[in-house]
Amino acid sequence: MKKGIKILIVLIILALIVFVFFLKREKMAPVETTTPVETTTPVETTTPVETTTPVETTTPVETTTPVETTTPVETTAPVETTISAENSTPEDDEQDYIIESERIPLEYTFFDMNEFLSPGLPLMIDMGSASCGPCLTMKSDLEAFYNESYGKVTVRYADIWKDPSLSGGFPALAVPVQYFFNPDGTPYNPSEEVLSQIGFSLYSLRETGEHVLTGHYGILTKDQMYMIFRDMGVDL
């Protein structure tokens, strides 16, 4: 009897062990339910290859080539407009043309005798002031003679009250005052005929008596300017 009971108890224990074993097996084997292989493979949905290739839309080649619009060659070549025929004396259908860009200006801003004499022409330097009455009176004749004699005579002017350094160290005791030089830089030596009509100040070295400067104080008319340079041998 006792032996039968023991066998029954062993069988019950074995049954419980088998039951527990299968129960645990079912709880610890979630293989098929935890394999989200197919649901976590968003391969096709995350490949925006075709939507992120804006090749054709970002190539503004034709719109950014303003070659023809930025070549103002014809509009910036004022060659013909800078030529004038001032002071031209047509003889036998010949004319002398002066290019304005190469024209020596009447007014100078830096005193340089070498530059003044570089054209190889007789020279008159007029020193005055914009606030000087006689200078303003003489201005129209000075400008007219400058234009009419251009190419045969060098005429330069400066406002020495505005900038005293433009006198070049000459004894400009009053304005207007003019100084005259031959093409080689030597001072003009007036003839007796000219001296009888125009008063000059002739400067000489005290030690040697050498004539070094010829000046004229006061207004000079255009006719007097012509007289002086004709006396210097200029064909005017």
C-alpha atoms as a PDB file:
ATOM      1  CA  MET A   1       0.000   0.000   0.000  1.00  0.00           C
ATOM      2  CA  LYS A   2       2.657   2.465   0.976  1.00  0.00           C
ATOM      3  CA  LYS A   3       4.664   1.498  -2.061  1.00  0.00           C
ATOM      4  CA  GLY A   4       1.759   2.265  -4.353  1.00  0.00           C
ATOM      5  CA  ILE A   5       1.267   5.655  -2.758  1.00  0.00           C
ATOM      6  CA  LYS A   6       4.931   6.503  -3.298  1.00  0.00           C
ATOM      7  CA  ILE A   7       4.732   5.529  -6.954  1.00  0.00           C
ATOM      8  CA  LEU A   8       1.630   7.700  -7.400  1.00  0.00           C
ATOM      9  CA  ILE A   9       3.362  10.660  -5.741  1.00  0.00           C
ATOM     10  CA  VAL A  10       6.374  10.272  -8.053  1.00  0.00           C
ATOM     11  CA  LEU A  11       4.117  10.153 -11.104  1.00  0.00           C
ATOM     12  CA  ILE A  12       2.298  13.262  -9.966  1.00  0.00           C
ATOM     13  CA  ILE A  13       5.605  15.066  -9.421  1.00  0.00           C
ATOM     14  CA  LEU A  14       6.829  14.028 -12.861  1.00  0.00           C
ATOM     15  CA  ALA A  15       3.572  15.201 -14.408  1.00  0.00           C
ATOM     16  CA  LEU A  16       3.941  18.549 -12.697  1.00  0.00           C
ATOM     17  CA  ILE A  17       7.536  18.819 -13.870  1.00  0.00           C
ATOM     18  CA  VAL A  18       6.528  18.079 -17.460  1.00  0.00           C
ATOM     19  CA  PHE A  19       3.628  20.536 -17.215  1.00  0.00           C
ATOM     20  CA  VAL A  20       5.898  23.285 -15.853  1.00  0.00           C
ATOM     21  CA  PHE A  21       8.494  22.532 -18.501  1.00  0.00           C
ATOM     22  CA  PHE A  22       6.047  22.901 -21.380  1.00  0.00           C
ATOM     23  CA  LEU A  23       4.539  25.977 -19.779  1.00  0.00           C
ATOM     24  CA  LYS A  24       7.901  27.692 -19.518  1.00  0.00           C
ATOM     25  CA  ARG A  25       8.788  26.644 -23.054  1.00  0.00           C
ATOM     26  CA  GLU A  26       5.736  28.349 -24.442  1.00  0.00           C
ATOM     27  CA  LYS A  27       6.504  31.599 -22.536  1.00  0.00           C
ATOM     28  CA  MET A  28      10.208  31.750 -23.471  1.00  0.00           C
ATOM     29  CA  ALA A  29       9.988  30.998 -27.168  1.00  0.00           C
ATOM     30  CA  PRO A  30       8.426  34.148 -28.810  1.00  0.00           C
ATOM     31  CA  VAL A  31      10.318  33.500 -31.999  1.00  0.00           C
ATOM     32  CA  GLU A  32       7.601  33.913 -34.539  1.00  0.00           C
ATOM     33  CA  THR A  33       5.908  36.866 -32.829  1.00  0.00           C
ATOM     34  CA  THR A  34       9.109  38.978 -32.369  1.00  0.00           C
ATOM     35  CA  THR A  35      10.570  38.790 -35.849  1.00  0.00           C
ATOM     36  CA  PRO A  36       9.551  42.147 -37.311  1.00  0.00           C
ATOM     37  CA  VAL A  37      11.782  41.582 -40.275  1.00  0.00           C
ATOM     38  CA  GLU A  38       9.361  42.470 -42.946  1.00  0.00           C
ATOM     39  CA  THR A  39       7.750  45.356 -41.018  1.00  0.00           C
ATOM     40  CA  THR A  40      11.046  47.128 -40.237  1.00  0.00           C
ATOM     41  CA  THR A  41      12.544  47.123 -43.704  1.00  0.00           C
ATOM     42  CA  PRO A  42      11.390  50.488 -45.101  1.00  0.00           C
ATOM     43  CA  VAL A  43      13.744  50.129 -48.003  1.00  0.00           C
ATOM     44  CA  GLU A  44      11.422  51.277 -50.695  1.00  0.00           C
ATOM     45  CA  THR A  45       9.890  54.120 -48.661  1.00  0.00           C
ATOM     46  CA  THR A  46      13.239  55.737 -47.662  1.00  0.00           C
ATOM     47  CA  THR A  47      14.961  55.870 -51.038  1.00  0.00           C
ATOM     48  CA  PRO A  48      14.090  59.391 -52.329  1.00  0.00           C
ATOM     49  CA  VAL A  49      16.627  59.089 -55.097  1.00  0.00           C
ATOM     50  CA  GLU A  50      14.554  60.489 -57.875  1.00  0.00           C
ATOM     51  CA  THR A  51      13.034  63.321 -55.784  1.00  0.00           C
ATOM     52  CA  THR A  52      16.383  64.742 -54.575  1.00  0.00           C
ATOM     53  CA  THR A  53      18.215  65.052 -57.886  1.00  0.00           C
ATOM     54  CA  PRO A  54      17.363  68.630 -59.037  1.00  0.00           C
ATOM     55  CA  VAL A  55      19.994  68.525 -61.745  1.00  0.00           C
ATOM     56  CA  GLU A  56      18.010  70.142 -64.479  1.00  0.00           C
ATOM     57  CA  THR A  57      16.415  72.798 -62.253  1.00  0.00           C
ATOM     58  CA  THR A  58      19.705  74.127 -60.792  1.00  0.00           C
ATOM     59  CA  THR A  59      21.709  74.685 -63.974  1.00  0.00           C
ATOM     60  CA  PRO A  60      20.980  78.359 -64.926  1.00  0.00           C
ATOM     61  CA  VAL A  61      23.701  78.351 -67.549  1.00  0.00           C
ATOM     62  CA  GLU A  62      21.933  80.354 -70.180  1.00  0.00           C
ATOM     63  CA  THR A  63      20.513  82.948 -67.756  1.00  0.00           C
ATOM     64  CA  THR A  64      23.885  83.868 -66.171  1.00  0.00           C
ATOM     65  CA  THR A  65      25.980  84.560 -69.271  1.00  0.00           C
ATOM     66  CA  PRO A  66      25.513  88.340 -69.897  1.00  0.00           C
ATOM     67  CA  VAL A  67      28.388  88.472 -72.357  1.00  0.00           C
ATOM     68  CA  GLU A  68      26.807  90.636 -74.973  1.00  0.00           C
ATOM     69  CA  THR A  69      25.231  93.064 -72.504  1.00  0.00           C
ATOM     70  CA  THR A  70      28.528  93.938 -70.758  1.00  0.00           C
ATOM     71  CA  THR A  71      30.687  94.801 -73.760  1.00  0.00           C
ATOM     72  CA  PRO A  72      30.129  98.579 -74.282  1.00  0.00           C
ATOM     73  CA  VAL A  73      32.960  98.810 -76.781  1.00  0.00           C
ATOM     74  CA  GLU A  74      31.269 101.034 -79.271  1.00  0.00           C
ATOM     75  CA  THR A  75      29.798 103.435 -76.695  1.00  0.00           C
ATOM     76  CA  THR A  76      33.120 104.152 -74.904  1.00  0.00           C
ATOM     77  CA  ALA A  77      35.313 105.073 -77.838  1.00  0.00           C
ATOM     78  CA  PRO A  78      34.897 108.871 -78.238  1.00  0.00           C
ATOM     79  CA  VAL A  79      37.796 109.091 -80.659  1.00  0.00           C
ATOM     80  CA  GLU A  80      36.162 111.320 -83.167  1.00  0.00           C
ATOM     81  CA  THR A  81      34.636 113.648 -80.566  1.00  0.00           C
ATOM     82  CA  THR A  82      38.035 114.654 -79.094  1.00  0.00           C
ATOM     83  CA  ILE A  83      39.383 116.204 -82.257  1.00  0.00           C
ATOM     84  CA  SER A  84      39.050 119.862 -83.067  1.00  0.00           C
ATOM     85  CA  ALA A  85      40.434 122.121 -85.719  1.00  0.00           C
ATOM     86  CA  GLU A  86      41.093 125.145 -83.550  1.00  0.00           C
ATOM     87  CA  ASN A  87      43.819 127.504 -84.712  1.00  0.00           C
ATOM     88  CA  SER A  88      43.948 125.751 -88.097  1.00  0.00           C
ATOM     89  CA  THR A  89      45.028 127.759 -91.140  1.00  0.00           C
ATOM     90  CA  PRO A  90      43.936 125.829 -94.254  1.00  0.00           C
ATOM     91  CA  GLU A  91      46.403 126.339 -97.080  1.00  0.00           C
ATOM     92  CA  ASP A  92      46.203 124.205-100.212  1.00  0.00           C
ATOM     93  CA  ASP A  93      43.463 122.110 -98.538  1.00  0.00           C
ATOM     94  CA  GLU A  94      45.782 121.250 -95.587  1.00  0.00           C
ATOM     95  CA  GLN A  95      44.634 121.588 -91.965  1.00  0.00           C
ATOM     96  CA  ASP A  96      46.353 121.052 -88.647  1.00  0.00           C
ATOM     97  CA  TYR A  97      44.162 119.167 -86.182  1.00  0.00           C
ATOM     98  CA  ILE A  98      44.733 119.228 -82.420  1.00  0.00           C
ATOM     99  CA  ILE A  99      43.738 116.303 -80.232  1.00  0.00           C
ATOM    100  CA  GLU A 100      42.170 117.761 -77.091  1.00  0.00           C
ATOM    101  CA  SER A 101      43.483 114.998 -74.814  1.00  0.00           C
ATOM    102  CA  GLU A 102      47.074 115.966 -75.798  1.00  0.00           C
ATOM    103  CA  ARG A 103      46.509 119.727 -75.667  1.00  0.00           C
ATOM    104  CA  ILE A 104      48.666 121.566 -73.137  1.00  0.00           C
ATOM    105  CA  PRO A 105      46.289 123.389 -70.769  1.00  0.00           C
ATOM    106  CA  LEU A 106      46.529 127.107 -70.182  1.00  0.00           C
ATOM    107  CA  GLU A 107      46.596 126.840 -66.382  1.00  0.00           C
ATOM    108  CA  TYR A 108      49.323 124.901 -64.621  1.00  0.00           C
ATOM    109  CA  THR A 109      49.253 123.482 -61.090  1.00  0.00           C
ATOM    110  CA  PHE A 110      52.959 122.753 -60.669  1.00  0.00           C
ATOM    111  CA  PHE A 111      55.845 125.009 -61.658  1.00  0.00           C
ATOM    112  CA  ASP A 112      58.286 123.161 -63.909  1.00  0.00           C
ATOM    113  CA  MET A 113      60.348 125.151 -66.405  1.00  0.00           C
ATOM    114  CA  ASN A 114      61.553 122.000 -68.125  1.00  0.00           C
ATOM    115  CA  GLU A 115      57.965 121.009 -68.808  1.00  0.00           C
ATOM    116  CA  PHE A 116      57.063 124.515 -69.982  1.00  0.00           C
ATOM    117  CA  LEU A 117      59.957 124.519 -72.464  1.00  0.00           C
ATOM    118  CA  SER A 118      59.554 120.890 -73.578  1.00  0.00           C
ATOM    119  CA  PRO A 119      57.493 121.747 -76.702  1.00  0.00           C
ATOM    120  CA  GLY A 120      60.471 123.760 -77.991  1.00  0.00           C
ATOM    121  CA  LEU A 121      58.394 126.920 -78.474  1.00  0.00           C
ATOM    122  CA  PRO A 122      58.673 130.518 -77.229  1.00  0.00           C
ATOM    123  CA  LEU A 123      57.111 130.762 -73.776  1.00  0.00           C
ATOM    124  CA  MET A 124      54.972 133.252 -71.886  1.00  0.00           C
ATOM    125  CA  ILE A 125      54.132 132.629 -68.225  1.00  0.00           C
ATOM    126  CA  ASP A 126      51.340 134.800 -66.896  1.00  0.00           C
ATOM    127  CA  MET A 127      50.919 135.022 -63.110  1.00  0.00           C
ATOM    128  CA  GLY A 128      47.742 136.500 -61.725  1.00  0.00           C
ATOM    129  CA  SER A 129      44.806 135.852 -59.426  1.00  0.00           C
ATOM    130  CA  ALA A 130      41.104 135.166 -59.692  1.00  0.00           C
ATOM    131  CA  SER A 131      40.505 138.027 -57.229  1.00  0.00           C
ATOM    132  CA  CYS A 132      42.644 140.530 -59.145  1.00  0.00           C
ATOM    133  CA  GLY A 133      40.691 143.109 -61.176  1.00  0.00           C
ATOM    134  CA  PRO A 134      43.338 143.752 -63.874  1.00  0.00           C
ATOM    135  CA  CYS A 135      43.878 139.992 -64.181  1.00  0.00           C
ATOM    136  CA  LEU A 136      40.174 139.466 -64.884  1.00  0.00           C
ATOM    137  CA  THR A 137      40.264 142.297 -67.425  1.00  0.00           C
ATOM    138  CA  MET A 138      43.160 140.614 -69.221  1.00  0.00           C
ATOM    139  CA  LYS A 139      41.691 137.108 -69.011  1.00  0.00           C
ATOM    140  CA  SER A 140      39.697 137.164 -72.260  1.00  0.00           C
ATOM    141  CA  ASP A 141      42.680 138.426 -74.300  1.00  0.00           C
ATOM    142  CA  LEU A 142      44.966 135.857 -72.664  1.00  0.00           C
ATOM    143  CA  GLU A 143      42.626 132.984 -73.471  1.00  0.00           C
ATOM    144  CA  ALA A 144      42.089 134.215 -77.029  1.00  0.00           C
ATOM    145  CA  PHE A 145      45.839 134.477 -77.669  1.00  0.00           C
ATOM    146  CA  TYR A 146      46.384 131.050 -76.113  1.00  0.00           C
ATOM    147  CA  ASN A 147      43.887 129.472 -78.517  1.00  0.00           C
ATOM    148  CA  GLU A 148      44.977 131.411 -81.595  1.00  0.00           C
ATOM    149  CA  SER A 149      48.712 130.866 -81.125  1.00  0.00           C
ATOM    150  CA  TYR A 150      48.541 127.270 -79.914  1.00  0.00           C
ATOM    151  CA  GLY A 151      51.193 125.126 -81.568  1.00  0.00           C
ATOM    152  CA  LYS A 152      53.455 128.128 -82.184  1.00  0.00           C
ATOM    153  CA  VAL A 153      53.667 129.633 -78.714  1.00  0.00           C
ATOM    154  CA  THR A 154      53.425 128.085 -75.249  1.00  0.00           C
ATOM    155  CA  VAL A 155      51.218 130.131 -72.914  1.00  0.00           C
ATOM    156  CA  ARG A 156      50.818 129.130 -69.252  1.00  0.00           C
ATOM    157  CA  TYR A 157      48.925 130.766 -66.412  1.00  0.00           C
ATOM    158  CA  ALA A 158      48.694 130.298 -62.623  1.00  0.00           C
ATOM    159  CA  ASP A 159      46.890 131.915 -59.686  1.00  0.00           C
ATOM    160  CA  ILE A 160      49.863 132.715 -57.461  1.00  0.00           C
ATOM    161  CA  TRP A 161      47.756 134.344 -54.759  1.00  0.00           C
ATOM    162  CA  LYS A 162      45.983 131.036 -54.318  1.00  0.00           C
ATOM    163  CA  ASP A 163      49.275 129.104 -54.376  1.00  0.00           C
ATOM    164  CA  PRO A 164      52.424 131.270 -54.049  1.00  0.00           C
ATOM    165  CA  SER A 165      54.670 128.294 -54.875  1.00  0.00           C
ATOM    166  CA  LEU A 166      53.472 128.543 -58.485  1.00  0.00           C
ATOM    167  CA  SER A 167      55.565 131.686 -58.928  1.00  0.00           C
ATOM    168  CA  GLY A 168      58.617 129.445 -59.175  1.00  0.00           C
ATOM    169  CA  GLY A 169      60.731 131.890 -57.193  1.00  0.00           C
ATOM    170  CA  PHE A 170      60.317 134.641 -59.794  1.00  0.00           C
ATOM    171  CA  PRO A 171      60.134 138.229 -58.445  1.00  0.00           C
ATOM    172  CA  ALA A 172      56.341 138.487 -58.851  1.00  0.00           C
ATOM    173  CA  LEU A 173      55.952 141.688 -56.812  1.00  0.00           C
ATOM    174  CA  ALA A 174      52.478 142.397 -58.239  1.00  0.00           C
ATOM    175  CA  VAL A 175      49.910 140.809 -60.531  1.00  0.00           C
ATOM    176  CA  PRO A 176      49.356 140.436 -63.342  1.00  0.00           C
ATOM    177  CA  VAL A 177      52.944 139.848 -64.386  1.00  0.00           C
ATOM    178  CA  GLN A 178      54.261 138.028 -67.459  1.00  0.00           C
ATOM    179  CA  TYR A 179      57.639 136.457 -68.181  1.00  0.00           C
ATOM    180  CA  PHE A 180      58.964 135.701 -71.667  1.00  0.00           C
ATOM    181  CA  PHE A 181      61.487 133.092 -72.810  1.00  0.00           C
ATOM    182  CA  ASN A 182      63.009 131.934 -76.075  1.00  0.00           C
ATOM    183  CA  PRO A 183      62.585 128.247 -77.037  1.00  0.00           C
ATOM    184  CA  ASP A 184      66.007 127.455 -75.515  1.00  0.00           C
ATOM    185  CA  GLY A 185      65.015 128.944 -72.139  1.00  0.00           C
ATOM    186  CA  THR A 186      67.000 132.166 -72.462  1.00  0.00           C
ATOM    187  CA  PRO A 187      65.120 135.389 -71.625  1.00  0.00           C
ATOM    188  CA  TYR A 188      63.437 137.347 -74.392  1.00  0.00           C
ATOM    189  CA  ASN A 189      65.408 140.449 -75.380  1.00  0.00           C
ATOM    190  CA  PRO A 190      62.934 143.060 -76.682  1.00  0.00           C
ATOM    191  CA  SER A 191      63.813 145.141 -79.701  1.00  0.00           C
ATOM    192  CA  GLU A 192      63.954 148.920 -79.472  1.00  0.00           C
ATOM    193  CA  GLU A 193      60.695 149.153 -81.398  1.00  0.00           C
ATOM    194  CA  VAL A 194      58.857 146.949 -78.908  1.00  0.00           C
ATOM    195  CA  LEU A 195      60.506 148.681 -75.949  1.00  0.00           C
ATOM    196  CA  SER A 196      59.155 151.973 -77.234  1.00  0.00           C
ATOM    197  CA  GLN A 197      55.584 150.674 -76.976  1.00  0.00           C
ATOM    198  CA  ILE A 198      55.667 148.214 -74.083  1.00  0.00           C
ATOM    199  CA  GLY A 199      57.447 148.678 -70.773  1.00  0.00           C
ATOM    200  CA  PHE A 200      59.474 145.659 -69.615  1.00  0.00           C
ATOM    201  CA  SER A 201      61.370 144.847 -66.443  1.00  0.00           C
ATOM    202  CA  LEU A 202      64.765 143.423 -67.435  1.00  0.00           C
ATOM    203  CA  TYR A 203      66.607 141.517 -64.707  1.00  0.00           C
ATOM    204  CA  SER A 204      70.379 141.004 -64.731  1.00  0.00           C
ATOM    205  CA  LEU A 205      72.928 139.422 -62.411  1.00  0.00           C
ATOM    206  CA  ARG A 206      74.585 142.046 -60.271  1.00  0.00           C
ATOM    207  CA  GLU A 207      78.020 140.421 -60.457  1.00  0.00           C
ATOM    208  CA  THR A 208      78.188 139.818 -64.204  1.00  0.00           C
ATOM    209  CA  GLY A 209      75.433 141.962 -65.638  1.00  0.00           C
ATOM    210  CA  GLU A 210      74.081 138.934 -67.501  1.00  0.00           C
ATOM    211  CA  HIS A 211      70.476 139.319 -68.635  1.00  0.00           C
ATOM    212  CA  VAL A 212      68.510 136.505 -66.941  1.00  0.00           C
ATOM    213  CA  LEU A 213      64.838 137.483 -66.949  1.00  0.00           C
ATOM    214  CA  THR A 214      62.373 139.595 -68.906  1.00  0.00           C
ATOM    215  CA  GLY A 215      59.081 140.503 -67.272  1.00  0.00           C
ATOM    216  CA  HIS A 216      56.128 142.825 -67.722  1.00  0.00           C
ATOM    217  CA  TYR A 217      53.861 144.114 -64.966  1.00  0.00           C
ATOM    218  CA  GLY A 218      50.263 145.017 -65.711  1.00  0.00           C
ATOM    219  CA  ILE A 219      47.765 144.225 -68.427  1.00  0.00           C
ATOM    220  CA  LEU A 220      48.861 143.033 -71.856  1.00  0.00           C
ATOM    221  CA  THR A 221      46.380 143.160 -74.700  1.00  0.00           C
ATOM    222  CA  LYS A 222      46.142 140.449 -77.323  1.00  0.00           C
ATOM    223  CA  ASP A 223      47.676 142.789 -79.924  1.00  0.00           C
ATOM    224  CA  GLN A 224      50.644 143.418 -77.631  1.00  0.00           C
ATOM    225  CA  MET A 225      51.129 139.681 -77.184  1.00  0.00           C
ATOM    226  CA  TYR A 226      51.187 139.277 -80.960  1.00  0.00           C
ATOM    227  CA  MET A 227      53.725 142.100 -81.206  1.00  0.00           C
ATOM    228  CA  ILE A 228      56.048 140.499 -78.636  1.00  0.00           C
ATOM    229  CA  PHE A 229      56.093 137.050 -80.218  1.00  0.00           C
ATOM    230  CA  ARG A 230      56.444 138.385 -83.732  1.00  0.00           C
ATOM    231  CA  ASP A 231      59.439 140.274 -82.377  1.00  0.00           C
ATOM    232  CA  MET A 232      60.729 136.869 -81.213  1.00  0.00           C
ATOM    233  CA  GLY A 233      60.467 135.598 -84.791  1.00  0.00           C
ATOM    234  CA  VAL A 234      57.190 133.672 -84.507  1.00  0.00           C
ATOM    235  CA  ASP A 235      55.056 133.661 -87.670  1.00  0.00           C
ATOM    236  CA  LEU A 236      51.675 134.751 -86.334  1.00  0.00           C
END
